């Protein structure tokens, strides 16, 4: 028999196996088929569009931050109006933002904005979230953020006991500055929409999460696991944020836009994909020219 020719017996076995796996899963037990990550026409899951953003107000105390120019400048305001028009095509029924869960101050500001008694500040929550919600006739906005625990004392002890980890921190700081420098260059040369397109590319989103594993996961000595514990706290924070996202949905017809710091998007996206209640809508088609 030619080595490239399948025997009749082997073909018969393949056909039988194919018939077995093609059966309705209910006839053989639990349905292990994986739901598609992306939303499907006529599907019964809640579409979620995750938009990773930069800190437009230069207000967050993160270690590495993009240096944003003034979003209240006329040029940037026109660009944000264009961005909002693009995002409106998603037709969200709810807009979730990075502010403490149920924050009364944010909710009050949005109501004042609806009534014409509040001028938008520089934050992405207001510039994008408030503006889009009002344009769509939404009566409220949905803050879903949760603060994470601090792990500084444990990491300081680990560094004191293992000075070699100092080199890892030096490399972390160099890498962080390089990444932010690249993002600063994107912003200088881009419209707001073009900047967000760069930040939401899959490889850029993944790099933000890889950063944790590159520099924090190795920081352990068999007794002190402050590096992995720091990553675990990051996961915990994002899981709680995702739980808040789950809590705000109350209709099968919901479509949720989440406006959040880009560093959160990889994990939130993973949780959306793994959840049986939600499906993912790619942000890039709404940002691409």
Protein backbone atom coordinates (compact mmCIF):
# COMPACT_ATOMS: atom_id res chain seq x y z
CA UNK A 1 0.00 0.00 0.00
CA UNK A 2 1.26 3.47 -0.86
CA UNK A 3 2.28 5.24 2.36
CA UNK A 4 0.04 8.19 1.41
CA UNK A 5 -3.04 5.97 0.95
CA UNK A 6 -5.39 5.34 3.87
CA UNK A 7 -6.62 1.77 4.29
CA UNK A 8 -10.38 1.08 4.01
CA UNK A 9 -10.41 -0.11 7.63
CA UNK A 10 -8.82 3.13 8.87
CA UNK A 11 -11.32 5.17 6.85
CA UNK A 12 -14.17 3.18 8.41
CA UNK A 13 -12.83 3.86 11.91
CA UNK A 14 -12.58 7.57 11.12
CA UNK A 15 -16.16 7.61 9.88
CA UNK A 16 -17.40 5.89 13.03
CA UNK A 17 -15.49 8.29 15.27
CA UNK A 18 -16.83 11.26 13.31
CA UNK A 19 -20.34 9.97 13.72
CA UNK A 20 -19.86 9.65 17.48
CA UNK A 21 -18.61 13.21 17.96
CA UNK A 22 -21.22 14.63 15.60
CA UNK A 23 -24.05 13.34 17.80
CA UNK A 24 -26.17 15.74 19.76
CA UNK A 25 -24.12 16.17 22.99
CA UNK A 26 -27.31 15.73 25.02
CA UNK A 27 -27.44 12.09 23.91
CA UNK A 28 -23.97 11.32 25.25
CA UNK A 29 -23.72 13.59 28.30
CA UNK A 30 -22.58 17.11 29.08
CA UNK A 31 -22.13 19.51 26.15
CA UNK A 32 -18.43 20.40 26.15
CA UNK A 33 -18.56 22.55 23.06
CA UNK A 34 -16.94 25.94 23.60
CA UNK A 35 -19.04 29.02 23.00
CA UNK A 36 -17.53 31.41 20.46
CA UNK A 37 -15.73 34.30 22.17
CA UNK A 38 -17.19 36.82 19.73
CA UNK A 39 -20.88 37.72 19.74
CA UNK A 40 -22.94 35.84 17.16
CA UNK A 41 -26.06 37.10 15.34
CA UNK A 42 -29.14 36.03 17.25
CA UNK A 43 -27.08 34.92 20.26
CA UNK A 44 -28.44 34.94 23.80
CA UNK A 45 -25.41 36.43 25.58
CA UNK A 46 -24.86 40.09 26.50
CA UNK A 47 -22.48 41.90 24.08
CA UNK A 48 -19.62 43.68 25.85
CA UNK A 49 -17.30 46.11 24.10
CA UNK A 50 -14.15 46.77 26.16
CA UNK A 51 -12.45 50.04 25.27
CA UNK A 52 -8.94 50.47 26.69
CA UNK A 53 -8.09 54.14 27.25
CA UNK A 54 -5.23 56.29 28.53
CA UNK A 55 -5.51 58.68 31.48
CA UNK A 56 -6.73 61.82 29.74
CA UNK A 57 -6.54 63.90 32.92
CA UNK A 58 -3.07 62.76 34.05
CA UNK A 59 -4.74 61.97 37.37
CA UNK A 60 -3.96 58.32 38.14
CA UNK A 61 -1.06 57.51 40.50
CA UNK A 62 0.26 54.62 38.38
CA UNK A 63 3.99 53.95 38.18
CA UNK A 64 4.05 54.52 34.41
CA UNK A 65 1.67 57.00 32.78
CA UNK A 66 1.17 58.49 29.33
CA UNK A 67 1.58 62.27 29.46
CA UNK A 68 -1.70 63.46 27.98
CA UNK A 69 -2.05 66.86 26.41
CA UNK A 70 -5.07 69.03 27.15
CA UNK A 71 -8.21 67.21 25.99
CA UNK A 72 -10.18 70.46 26.42
CA UNK A 73 -8.24 72.03 23.54
CA UNK A 74 -10.51 72.58 20.51
CA UNK A 75 -8.61 70.07 18.35
CA UNK A 76 -8.94 67.27 20.92
CA UNK A 77 -12.58 68.15 21.58
CA UNK A 78 -13.40 67.69 17.90
CA UNK A 79 -11.54 64.37 17.93
CA UNK A 80 -13.50 63.16 20.97
CA UNK A 81 -16.76 64.10 19.26
CA UNK A 82 -15.69 61.92 16.33
CA UNK A 83 -14.79 59.07 18.69
CA UNK A 84 -18.17 59.31 20.45
CA UNK A 85 -19.98 59.18 17.11
CA UNK A 86 -18.07 56.00 16.25
CA UNK A 87 -18.81 54.32 19.59
CA UNK A 88 -22.50 55.23 19.32
CA UNK A 89 -22.72 52.77 16.42
CA UNK A 90 -22.31 49.96 18.96
CA UNK A 91 -25.63 51.15 20.44
CA UNK A 92 -24.80 50.42 24.08
CA UNK A 93 -27.67 50.34 26.55
CA UNK A 94 -25.28 50.83 29.48
CA UNK A 95 -21.89 52.53 29.79
CA UNK A 96 -19.54 51.33 32.56
CA UNK A 97 -16.65 53.52 33.68
CA UNK A 98 -13.56 53.36 35.90
CA UNK A 99 -14.87 54.99 39.05
CA UNK A 100 -15.72 53.40 42.43
CA UNK A 101 -18.72 51.08 42.21
CA UNK A 102 -21.93 53.09 42.54
CA UNK A 103 -19.95 56.29 43.27
CA UNK A 104 -22.52 58.93 44.24
CA UNK A 105 -20.28 61.83 43.23
CA UNK A 106 -19.91 60.50 39.68
CA UNK A 107 -23.64 59.79 39.45
CA UNK A 108 -24.48 63.30 40.71
CA UNK A 109 -22.09 64.90 38.22
CA UNK A 110 -23.72 62.98 35.38
CA UNK A 111 -27.17 64.16 36.45
CA UNK A 112 -25.90 67.74 36.60
CA UNK A 113 -24.40 67.30 33.13
CA UNK A 114 -27.77 66.11 31.81
CA UNK A 115 -29.38 69.21 33.29
CA UNK A 116 -26.77 71.52 31.75
CA UNK A 117 -25.31 72.64 35.10
CA UNK A 118 -21.99 70.79 34.91
CA UNK A 119 -19.10 71.22 32.47
CA UNK A 120 -17.16 68.11 31.57
CA UNK A 121 -13.77 67.64 33.20
CA UNK A 122 -10.72 66.14 31.53
CA UNK A 123 -11.17 62.50 32.57
CA UNK A 124 -12.04 59.81 30.05
CA UNK A 125 -15.01 58.90 32.27
CA UNK A 126 -16.55 62.28 31.52
CA UNK A 127 -15.13 63.13 28.11
CA UNK A 128 -16.13 59.79 26.56
CA UNK A 129 -18.52 58.14 29.02
CA UNK A 130 -20.70 61.11 30.01
CA UNK A 131 -20.74 62.56 26.51
CA UNK A 132 -21.75 59.31 24.84
CA UNK A 133 -24.32 58.40 27.49
CA UNK A 134 -26.04 61.77 27.10
CA UNK A 135 -25.98 61.53 23.29
CA UNK A 136 -27.74 58.16 23.54
CA UNK A 137 -30.33 59.37 26.03
CA UNK A 138 -29.08 57.32 28.99
CA UNK A 139 -30.48 58.39 32.35
CA UNK A 140 -27.46 57.18 34.33
CA UNK A 141 -23.86 56.00 34.09
CA UNK A 142 -22.39 52.88 35.75
CA UNK A 143 -19.18 53.17 37.83
CA UNK A 144 -17.79 49.64 38.43
CA UNK A 145 -14.27 50.07 39.82
CA UNK A 146 -12.75 48.38 42.90
CA UNK A 147 -9.49 49.36 44.57
CA UNK A 148 -6.86 46.65 45.02
CA UNK A 149 -4.89 45.75 48.19
CA UNK A 150 -1.35 47.01 48.70
CA UNK A 151 1.53 44.52 48.91
CA UNK A 152 4.42 46.94 49.55
CA UNK A 153 5.65 45.73 52.99
CA UNK A 154 5.98 42.12 51.79
CA UNK A 155 7.86 43.16 48.65
CA UNK A 156 10.22 45.39 50.63
CA UNK A 157 11.15 42.43 52.84
CA UNK A 158 11.64 40.20 49.81
CA UNK A 159 14.02 42.75 48.27
CA UNK A 160 15.91 43.10 51.54
CA UNK A 161 16.35 39.32 51.75
CA UNK A 162 17.15 38.90 48.03
CA UNK A 163 19.14 41.88 46.68
CA UNK A 164 19.40 40.20 43.25
CA UNK A 165 15.77 41.13 42.65
CA UNK A 166 16.82 44.79 42.57
CA UNK A 167 18.18 44.16 39.06
CA UNK A 168 14.73 42.93 38.03
CA UNK A 169 13.20 46.16 39.31
CA UNK A 170 15.73 48.23 37.36
CA UNK A 171 14.83 46.31 34.20
CA UNK A 172 11.12 46.75 34.99
CA UNK A 173 11.53 50.52 35.28
CA UNK A 174 13.49 50.71 32.02
CA UNK A 175 10.92 48.63 30.16
CA UNK A 176 8.02 50.61 31.63
CA UNK A 177 9.59 53.90 30.54
CA UNK A 178 10.18 52.55 27.03
CA UNK A 179 6.57 51.42 26.68
CA UNK A 180 5.21 54.75 27.93
CA UNK A 181 7.61 56.67 25.67
CA UNK A 182 6.23 54.78 22.67
CA UNK A 183 2.67 55.56 23.75
CA UNK A 184 3.58 59.24 24.20
CA UNK A 185 4.83 59.28 20.61
CA UNK A 186 1.60 57.69 19.37
CA UNK A 187 -0.45 60.33 21.15
CA UNK A 188 1.61 63.23 19.77
CA UNK A 189 1.14 62.01 16.21
CA UNK A 190 -2.44 60.74 16.47
CA UNK A 191 -6.02 61.75 16.90
CA UNK A 192 -7.73 60.41 20.02
CA UNK A 193 -9.38 57.66 17.96
CA UNK A 194 -6.06 56.69 16.36
CA UNK A 195 -4.41 56.57 19.78
CA UNK A 196 -7.11 54.27 21.12
CA UNK A 197 -6.77 52.06 18.06
CA UNK A 198 -3.09 51.58 18.93
CA UNK A 199 -3.85 50.86 22.59
CA UNK A 200 -6.54 48.29 21.72
CA UNK A 201 -4.51 46.23 19.27
CA UNK A 202 -4.33 42.63 20.61
CA UNK A 203 -0.54 42.60 20.85
CA UNK A 204 -0.47 45.86 22.83
CA UNK A 205 -3.20 44.67 25.20
CA UNK A 206 -1.40 41.38 25.76
CA UNK A 207 1.93 43.13 26.39
CA UNK A 208 0.32 45.06 29.26
CA UNK A 209 -0.48 41.78 31.03
CA UNK A 210 2.80 40.11 30.08
CA UNK A 211 4.55 42.90 31.98
CA UNK A 212 3.25 41.45 35.28
CA UNK A 213 4.58 37.98 34.55
CA UNK A 214 7.90 39.25 33.25
CA UNK A 215 8.79 41.25 36.35
CA UNK A 216 6.60 40.17 39.29
CA UNK A 217 6.06 36.43 38.87
CA UNK A 218 9.81 35.62 39.41
CA UNK A 219 9.92 37.64 42.65
CA UNK A 220 9.67 34.83 45.20
CA UNK A 221 12.13 32.89 47.34
CA UNK A 222 10.13 29.89 48.55
CA UNK A 223 9.04 31.69 51.73
CA UNK A 224 7.92 35.09 50.50
CA UNK A 225 5.75 35.10 47.37
CA UNK A 226 5.12 38.84 47.20
CA UNK A 227 5.61 38.95 43.42
CA UNK A 228 3.02 36.24 42.60
CA UNK A 229 0.82 37.60 45.41
CA UNK A 230 0.90 41.01 43.73
CA UNK A 231 -0.33 39.41 40.49
CA UNK A 232 -3.00 37.51 42.44
CA UNK A 233 -4.20 40.81 43.94
CA UNK A 234 -4.35 42.27 40.43
CA UNK A 235 -6.47 39.32 39.30
CA UNK A 236 -8.69 39.69 42.38
CA UNK A 237 -9.27 43.37 41.68
CA UNK A 238 -10.23 42.71 38.08
CA UNK A 239 -12.48 39.79 39.03
CA UNK A 240 -14.31 42.10 41.42
CA UNK A 241 -14.62 44.71 38.69
CA UNK A 242 -16.03 42.02 36.43
CA UNK A 243 -18.47 40.99 39.16
CA UNK A 244 -19.67 44.59 39.29
CA UNK A 245 -20.12 44.50 35.53
CA UNK A 246 -22.28 41.42 36.01
CA UNK A 247 -24.32 43.20 38.68
CA UNK A 248 -25.27 46.16 36.49
CA UNK A 249 -26.80 44.07 33.71
CA UNK A 250 -30.51 43.50 34.21
CA UNK A 251 -31.88 42.83 30.74
CA UNK A 252 -31.30 40.25 28.04
CA UNK A 253 -31.30 43.18 25.61
CA UNK A 254 -28.36 44.91 27.29
CA UNK A 255 -25.32 45.96 25.28
CA UNK A 256 -22.54 47.19 27.56
CA UNK A 257 -19.66 49.51 26.69
CA UNK A 258 -16.83 49.43 29.24
CA UNK A 259 -14.43 52.41 29.24
CA UNK A 260 -11.38 51.44 31.28
CA UNK A 261 -7.65 51.89 31.68
CA UNK A 262 -5.93 49.87 28.98
CA UNK A 263 -3.98 47.77 31.50
CA UNK A 264 -7.21 46.15 32.70
CA UNK A 265 -8.47 45.07 29.28
CA UNK A 266 -6.59 41.77 28.87
CA UNK A 267 -8.03 40.30 32.07
CA UNK A 268 -11.53 41.75 31.65
CA UNK A 269 -11.55 40.41 28.10
CA UNK A 270 -10.53 36.96 29.36
CA UNK A 271 -13.35 37.01 31.92
CA UNK A 272 -15.90 38.05 29.29
CA UNK A 273 -14.78 35.19 27.05
CA UNK A 274 -14.93 32.63 29.88
CA UNK A 275 -18.31 33.77 31.16
CA UNK A 276 -21.44 32.02 29.87
CA UNK A 277 -23.37 35.28 30.28
CA UNK A 278 -21.38 37.64 28.03
CA UNK A 279 -19.78 37.71 24.59
CA UNK A 280 -17.01 39.92 23.26
CA UNK A 281 -17.40 42.68 20.69
CA UNK A 282 -14.09 43.78 19.16
CA UNK A 283 -13.37 47.49 19.67
CA UNK A 284 -11.08 47.85 16.66
CA UNK A 285 -13.76 48.03 13.93
CA UNK A 286 -15.18 51.07 15.73
CA UNK A 287 -11.76 52.74 15.84
CA UNK A 288 -10.36 51.82 12.44
CA UNK A 289 -10.49 54.24 9.53
